[in-house]
Amino acid sequence: MNKLLPFGDRAFEITFGKIASIKVFKPYLNEIVNAISMGEFDKIKLDKILISHKIKNVSDIKEETLDLLLFYISFILDDNLITEKELANLKTLKRIFKIREGDFYRFRRDKIQEILNKQFKRIYEDNIIDNKEAILKVGLQELFDLGYDQFQELSKNEVKAALERGADLNDLDAVIKLSSSKNS
């Protein structure tokens, strides 16, 4: 077998089993999810699924695979931390599905904003970022392959809300851009 994913990662397979049980995708994506959940996902299986659904290249289903990865990311974030193994598994899935840097931002910006807002609300609720939360922020940026400016843009509303609640900017592990105005 030409394995594409970590062999024997039961937690990963169980997560995809949960995804298969609660989310319905297009038939070809359901087959991929089921193959992953059963530990049977390899290059041959992927090619068979694509061919059987007359899909020439995995890039042709990029937006659907982005939705699948967003669903997986939601599971990753259920415990409010990102493990190295989860990040490695996601990177592998991105490689398999030919997801490039900027694809999440370009095609699913609203959805990543929704996911990030949920995390930012929790992170900034006490008006201070501890070391664990700072590391989580780095992981969040990496999950979605966001550039520094993109990540700052997506976090600015929650940073501003924390500042309005009385937080000190130095405690927020954030940078905000002050708008410049010309005096006439």
C-alpha atoms as a PDB file:
ATOM      1  CA  MET A   1       0.000   0.000   0.000  1.00  0.00           C
ATOM      2  CA  ASN A   2       1.229   3.479  -0.878  1.00  0.00           C
ATOM      3  CA  LYS A   3       0.129   5.178   2.353  1.00  0.00           C
ATOM      4  CA  LEU A   4      -0.486   8.897   2.162  1.00  0.00           C
ATOM      5  CA  LEU A   5      -1.350   9.406   5.804  1.00  0.00           C
ATOM      6  CA  PRO A   6       0.251   8.421   9.087  1.00  0.00           C
ATOM      7  CA  PHE A   7      -0.056   4.665   9.493  1.00  0.00           C
ATOM      8  CA  GLY A   8      -1.975   3.568  12.557  1.00  0.00           C
ATOM      9  CA  ASP A   9      -2.958   7.010  13.856  1.00  0.00           C
ATOM     10  CA  ARG A  10      -6.196   5.859  15.464  1.00  0.00           C
ATOM     11  CA  ALA A  11      -7.086   9.303  16.832  1.00  0.00           C
ATOM     12  CA  PHE A  12      -6.886  10.707  13.308  1.00  0.00           C
ATOM     13  CA  GLU A  13      -8.984   7.851  11.915  1.00  0.00           C
ATOM     14  CA  ILE A  14     -11.538   8.185  14.742  1.00  0.00           C
ATOM     15  CA  THR A  15     -11.863  11.916  14.043  1.00  0.00           C
ATOM     16  CA  PHE A  16     -12.612  11.159  10.406  1.00  0.00           C
ATOM     17  CA  GLY A  17     -15.096   8.510  11.530  1.00  0.00           C
ATOM     18  CA  LYS A  18     -16.892  11.238  13.499  1.00  0.00           C
ATOM     19  CA  ILE A  19     -16.765  13.544  10.489  1.00  0.00           C
ATOM     20  CA  ALA A  20     -18.242  10.770   8.324  1.00  0.00           C
ATOM     21  CA  SER A  21     -21.065  10.233  10.812  1.00  0.00           C
ATOM     22  CA  ILE A  22     -22.156  13.867  11.104  1.00  0.00           C
ATOM     23  CA  LYS A  23     -21.316  15.605   7.839  1.00  0.00           C
ATOM     24  CA  VAL A  24     -22.495  14.713   4.376  1.00  0.00           C
ATOM     25  CA  PHE A  25     -20.278  15.809   1.532  1.00  0.00           C
ATOM     26  CA  LYS A  26     -20.460  15.056  -2.164  1.00  0.00           C
ATOM     27  CA  PRO A  27     -20.214  11.294  -2.828  1.00  0.00           C
ATOM     28  CA  TYR A  28     -16.532  11.322  -3.818  1.00  0.00           C
ATOM     29  CA  LEU A  29     -15.579  13.241  -0.691  1.00  0.00           C
ATOM     30  CA  ASN A  30     -17.670  10.904   1.467  1.00  0.00           C
ATOM     31  CA  GLU A  31     -15.664   8.018  -0.009  1.00  0.00           C
ATOM     32  CA  ILE A  32     -12.399   9.784   0.823  1.00  0.00           C
ATOM     33  CA  VAL A  33     -13.546  10.506   4.390  1.00  0.00           C
ATOM     34  CA  ASN A  34     -14.639   6.891   4.872  1.00  0.00           C
ATOM     35  CA  ALA A  35     -11.337   5.563   3.491  1.00  0.00           C
ATOM     36  CA  ILE A  36      -9.403   7.797   5.890  1.00  0.00           C
ATOM     37  CA  SER A  37     -11.571   6.737   8.839  1.00  0.00           C
ATOM     38  CA  MET A  38     -10.970   3.054   8.068  1.00  0.00           C
ATOM     39  CA  GLY A  39      -7.218   3.490   7.609  1.00  0.00           C
ATOM     40  CA  GLU A  40      -7.498   2.529   3.940  1.00  0.00           C
ATOM     41  CA  PHE A  41      -6.564   5.817   2.321  1.00  0.00           C
ATOM     42  CA  ASP A  42      -3.628   5.609  -0.033  1.00  0.00           C
ATOM     43  CA  LYS A  43      -2.637   6.920  -3.468  1.00  0.00           C
ATOM     44  CA  ILE A  44      -4.307   4.011  -5.265  1.00  0.00           C
ATOM     45  CA  LYS A  45      -7.562   4.485  -3.327  1.00  0.00           C
ATOM     46  CA  LEU A  46      -7.566   8.236  -3.997  1.00  0.00           C
ATOM     47  CA  ASP A  47      -6.966   7.695  -7.711  1.00  0.00           C
ATOM     48  CA  LYS A  48      -9.765   5.090  -7.881  1.00  0.00           C
ATOM     49  CA  ILE A  49     -12.211   7.452  -6.174  1.00  0.00           C
ATOM     50  CA  LEU A  50     -11.318  10.324  -8.489  1.00  0.00           C
ATOM     51  CA  ILE A  51     -11.518   8.154 -11.620  1.00  0.00           C
ATOM     52  CA  SER A  52     -14.840   6.596 -10.601  1.00  0.00           C
ATOM     53  CA  HIS A  53     -16.324  10.098 -10.299  1.00  0.00           C
ATOM     54  CA  LYS A  54     -14.700  11.337 -13.525  1.00  0.00           C
ATOM     55  CA  ILE A  55     -12.464  13.788 -11.685  1.00  0.00           C
ATOM     56  CA  LYS A  56      -9.196  14.314 -13.539  1.00  0.00           C
ATOM     57  CA  ASN A  57      -7.176  15.847 -10.735  1.00  0.00           C
ATOM     58  CA  VAL A  58      -7.585  16.420  -7.015  1.00  0.00           C
ATOM     59  CA  SER A  59      -7.100  20.146  -7.732  1.00  0.00           C
ATOM     60  CA  ASP A  60     -10.472  20.047  -9.504  1.00  0.00           C
ATOM     61  CA  ILE A  61     -12.184  19.543  -6.135  1.00  0.00           C
ATOM     62  CA  LYS A  62     -10.133  22.125  -4.224  1.00  0.00           C
ATOM     63  CA  GLU A  63     -13.075  24.012  -2.754  1.00  0.00           C
ATOM     64  CA  GLU A  64     -14.745  20.828  -1.510  1.00  0.00           C
ATOM     65  CA  THR A  65     -11.500  19.628   0.060  1.00  0.00           C
ATOM     66  CA  LEU A  66     -11.107  23.041   1.711  1.00  0.00           C
ATOM     67  CA  ASP A  67     -14.533  22.493   3.296  1.00  0.00           C
ATOM     68  CA  LEU A  68     -13.436  19.070   4.510  1.00  0.00           C
ATOM     69  CA  LEU A  69     -10.248  20.499   5.993  1.00  0.00           C
ATOM     70  CA  LEU A  70     -12.207  23.282   7.693  1.00  0.00           C
ATOM     71  CA  PHE A  71     -14.402  20.629   9.258  1.00  0.00           C
ATOM     72  CA  TYR A  72     -11.295  18.745  10.419  1.00  0.00           C
ATOM     73  CA  ILE A  73      -9.805  21.979  11.804  1.00  0.00           C
ATOM     74  CA  SER A  74     -12.984  22.516  13.836  1.00  0.00           C
ATOM     75  CA  PHE A  75     -12.403  19.100  15.417  1.00  0.00           C
ATOM     76  CA  ILE A  76      -8.752  19.959  16.071  1.00  0.00           C
ATOM     77  CA  LEU A  77      -9.802  23.116  17.915  1.00  0.00           C
ATOM     78  CA  ASP A  78     -12.462  21.434  20.081  1.00  0.00           C
ATOM     79  CA  ASP A  79      -9.935  21.138  22.915  1.00  0.00           C
ATOM     80  CA  ASN A  80      -8.523  24.638  22.309  1.00  0.00           C
ATOM     81  CA  LEU A  81      -5.042  23.395  21.494  1.00  0.00           C
ATOM     82  CA  ILE A  82      -3.177  22.258  18.424  1.00  0.00           C
ATOM     83  CA  THR A  83      -0.795  19.333  18.804  1.00  0.00           C
ATOM     84  CA  GLU A  84       2.225  18.783  16.592  1.00  0.00           C
ATOM     85  CA  LYS A  85       0.609  15.563  15.374  1.00  0.00           C
ATOM     86  CA  GLU A  86      -2.628  17.361  14.412  1.00  0.00           C
ATOM     87  CA  LEU A  87      -0.660  20.030  12.589  1.00  0.00           C
ATOM     88  CA  ALA A  88       1.416  17.395  10.784  1.00  0.00           C
ATOM     89  CA  ASN A  89      -1.738  15.489   9.775  1.00  0.00           C
ATOM     90  CA  LEU A  90      -3.312  18.679   8.443  1.00  0.00           C
ATOM     91  CA  LYS A  91      -0.156  19.540   6.487  1.00  0.00           C
ATOM     92  CA  THR A  92      -0.240  16.068   4.962  1.00  0.00           C
ATOM     93  CA  LEU A  93      -3.887  16.515   3.953  1.00  0.00           C
ATOM     94  CA  LYS A  94      -3.090  19.907   2.414  1.00  0.00           C
ATOM     95  CA  ARG A  95      -0.300  18.320   0.390  1.00  0.00           C
ATOM     96  CA  ILE A  96      -2.513  15.445  -0.761  1.00  0.00           C
ATOM     97  CA  PHE A  97      -5.350  17.787  -1.752  1.00  0.00           C
ATOM     98  CA  LYS A  98      -2.948  20.340  -3.281  1.00  0.00           C
ATOM     99  CA  ILE A  99      -4.055  23.139  -0.988  1.00  0.00           C
ATOM    100  CA  ARG A 100      -1.644  26.033  -1.395  1.00  0.00           C
ATOM    101  CA  GLU A 101      -0.759  28.922   0.854  1.00  0.00           C
ATOM    102  CA  GLY A 102      -3.490  31.519   0.507  1.00  0.00           C
ATOM    103  CA  ASP A 103      -6.231  29.084  -0.584  1.00  0.00           C
ATOM    104  CA  PHE A 104      -8.117  29.206   2.726  1.00  0.00           C
ATOM    105  CA  TYR A 105      -7.952  33.000   2.737  1.00  0.00           C
ATOM    106  CA  ARG A 106      -8.888  33.307  -0.935  1.00  0.00           C
ATOM    107  CA  PHE A 107     -11.725  30.783  -1.069  1.00  0.00           C
ATOM    108  CA  ARG A 108     -13.031  30.490   2.520  1.00  0.00           C
ATOM    109  CA  ARG A 109     -12.202  33.760   4.243  1.00  0.00           C
ATOM    110  CA  ASP A 110     -15.618  34.096   5.905  1.00  0.00           C
ATOM    111  CA  LYS A 111     -15.435  30.584   7.332  1.00  0.00           C
ATOM    112  CA  ILE A 112     -11.907  31.008   8.681  1.00  0.00           C
ATOM    113  CA  GLN A 113     -12.970  34.358  10.162  1.00  0.00           C
ATOM    114  CA  GLU A 114     -15.822  32.544  11.941  1.00  0.00           C
ATOM    115  CA  ILE A 115     -13.506  29.831  13.292  1.00  0.00           C
ATOM    116  CA  LEU A 116     -10.853  32.344  14.329  1.00  0.00           C
ATOM    117  CA  ASN A 117     -13.372  34.674  15.995  1.00  0.00           C
ATOM    118  CA  LYS A 118     -14.504  31.825  18.231  1.00  0.00           C
ATOM    119  CA  GLN A 119     -10.890  31.215  19.253  1.00  0.00           C
ATOM    120  CA  PHE A 120     -10.049  34.922  19.588  1.00  0.00           C
ATOM    121  CA  LYS A 121     -13.084  35.564  21.813  1.00  0.00           C
ATOM    122  CA  ARG A 122     -11.874  32.848  24.174  1.00  0.00           C
ATOM    123  CA  ILE A 123      -8.225  33.935  24.003  1.00  0.00           C
ATOM    124  CA  TYR A 124      -8.920  37.620  24.607  1.00  0.00           C
ATOM    125  CA  GLU A 125     -11.791  37.260  27.116  1.00  0.00           C
ATOM    126  CA  ASP A 126      -9.518  37.844  30.131  1.00  0.00           C
ATOM    127  CA  ASN A 127      -7.726  40.753  28.407  1.00  0.00           C
ATOM    128  CA  ILE A 128      -4.326  39.080  28.643  1.00  0.00           C
ATOM    129  CA  ILE A 129      -2.519  36.527  26.494  1.00  0.00           C
ATOM    130  CA  ASP A 130      -0.548  33.906  28.386  1.00  0.00           C
ATOM    131  CA  ASN A 131       2.219  31.811  26.842  1.00  0.00           C
ATOM    132  CA  LYS A 132      -0.125  28.920  25.985  1.00  0.00           C
ATOM    133  CA  GLU A 133      -2.505  31.300  24.188  1.00  0.00           C
ATOM    134  CA  ALA A 134       0.376  32.960  22.320  1.00  0.00           C
ATOM    135  CA  ILE A 135       1.479  29.534  21.085  1.00  0.00           C
ATOM    136  CA  LEU A 136      -2.121  28.753  20.090  1.00  0.00           C
ATOM    137  CA  LYS A 137      -2.240  31.968  18.041  1.00  0.00           C
ATOM    138  CA  VAL A 138       0.872  30.881  16.138  1.00  0.00           C
ATOM    139  CA  GLY A 139      -0.768  27.504  15.525  1.00  0.00           C
ATOM    140  CA  LEU A 140      -3.968  29.155  14.293  1.00  0.00           C
ATOM    141  CA  GLN A 141      -1.996  31.199  11.797  1.00  0.00           C
ATOM    142  CA  GLU A 142      -0.241  28.048  10.619  1.00  0.00           C
ATOM    143  CA  LEU A 143      -3.460  25.993  10.324  1.00  0.00           C
ATOM    144  CA  PHE A 144      -4.780  28.364   7.694  1.00  0.00           C
ATOM    145  CA  ASP A 145      -1.415  29.259   6.110  1.00  0.00           C
ATOM    146  CA  LEU A 146      -2.015  32.917   6.856  1.00  0.00           C
ATOM    147  CA  GLY A 147       0.560  35.625   6.372  1.00  0.00           C
ATOM    148  CA  TYR A 148       1.279  38.009   9.234  1.00  0.00           C
ATOM    149  CA  ASP A 149      -0.828  40.837   7.785  1.00  0.00           C
ATOM    150  CA  GLN A 150      -3.725  38.495   6.991  1.00  0.00           C
ATOM    151  CA  PHE A 151      -3.722  37.121  10.534  1.00  0.00           C
ATOM    152  CA  GLN A 152      -3.601  40.622  12.028  1.00  0.00           C
ATOM    153  CA  GLU A 153      -6.505  41.680   9.806  1.00  0.00           C
ATOM    154  CA  LEU A 154      -8.606  38.701  10.909  1.00  0.00           C
ATOM    155  CA  SER A 155      -7.861  39.277  14.609  1.00  0.00           C
ATOM    156  CA  LYS A 156      -8.259  43.058  14.754  1.00  0.00           C
ATOM    157  CA  ASN A 157     -11.931  43.146  15.808  1.00  0.00           C
ATOM    158  CA  GLU A 158     -11.340  40.942  18.846  1.00  0.00           C
ATOM    159  CA  VAL A 159      -8.184  42.864  19.763  1.00  0.00           C
ATOM    160  CA  LYS A 160     -10.149  46.117  19.568  1.00  0.00           C
ATOM    161  CA  ALA A 161     -12.938  44.609  21.692  1.00  0.00           C
ATOM    162  CA  ALA A 162     -10.392  43.612  24.357  1.00  0.00           C
ATOM    163  CA  LEU A 163      -8.928  47.127  24.309  1.00  0.00           C
ATOM    164  CA  GLU A 164     -12.420  48.593  24.713  1.00  0.00           C
ATOM    165  CA  ARG A 165     -12.884  46.349  27.778  1.00  0.00           C
ATOM    166  CA  GLY A 166      -9.778  47.927  29.270  1.00  0.00           C
ATOM    167  CA  ALA A 167      -7.012  45.566  28.185  1.00  0.00           C
ATOM    168  CA  ASP A 168      -3.462  46.837  27.825  1.00  0.00           C
ATOM    169  CA  LEU A 169      -2.147  46.331  24.277  1.00  0.00           C
ATOM    170  CA  ASN A 170       1.160  45.085  25.726  1.00  0.00           C
ATOM    171  CA  ASP A 171      -0.732  42.162  27.325  1.00  0.00           C
ATOM    172  CA  LEU A 172      -2.491  41.081  24.120  1.00  0.00           C
ATOM    173  CA  ASP A 173       0.392  39.760  21.998  1.00  0.00           C
ATOM    174  CA  ALA A 174      -1.043  41.859  19.172  1.00  0.00           C
ATOM    175  CA  VAL A 175      -0.286  44.811  16.975  1.00  0.00           C
ATOM    176  CA  ILE A 176      -2.889  47.233  15.758  1.00  0.00           C
ATOM    177  CA  LYS A 177      -2.548  49.737  12.998  1.00  0.00           C
ATOM    178  CA  LEU A 178      -3.655  53.198  13.949  1.00  0.00           C
ATOM    179  CA  SER A 179      -5.515  54.914  11.166  1.00  0.00           C
ATOM    180  CA  SER A 180      -3.839  58.042   9.962  1.00  0.00           C
ATOM    181  CA  SER A 181      -5.837  61.143   9.305  1.00  0.00           C
ATOM    182  CA  LYS A 182      -4.755  64.355   7.658  1.00  0.00           C
ATOM    183  CA  ASN A 183      -5.547  67.623   9.339  1.00  0.00           C
ATOM    184  CA  SER A 184      -6.840  70.123   6.843  1.00  0.00           C
END
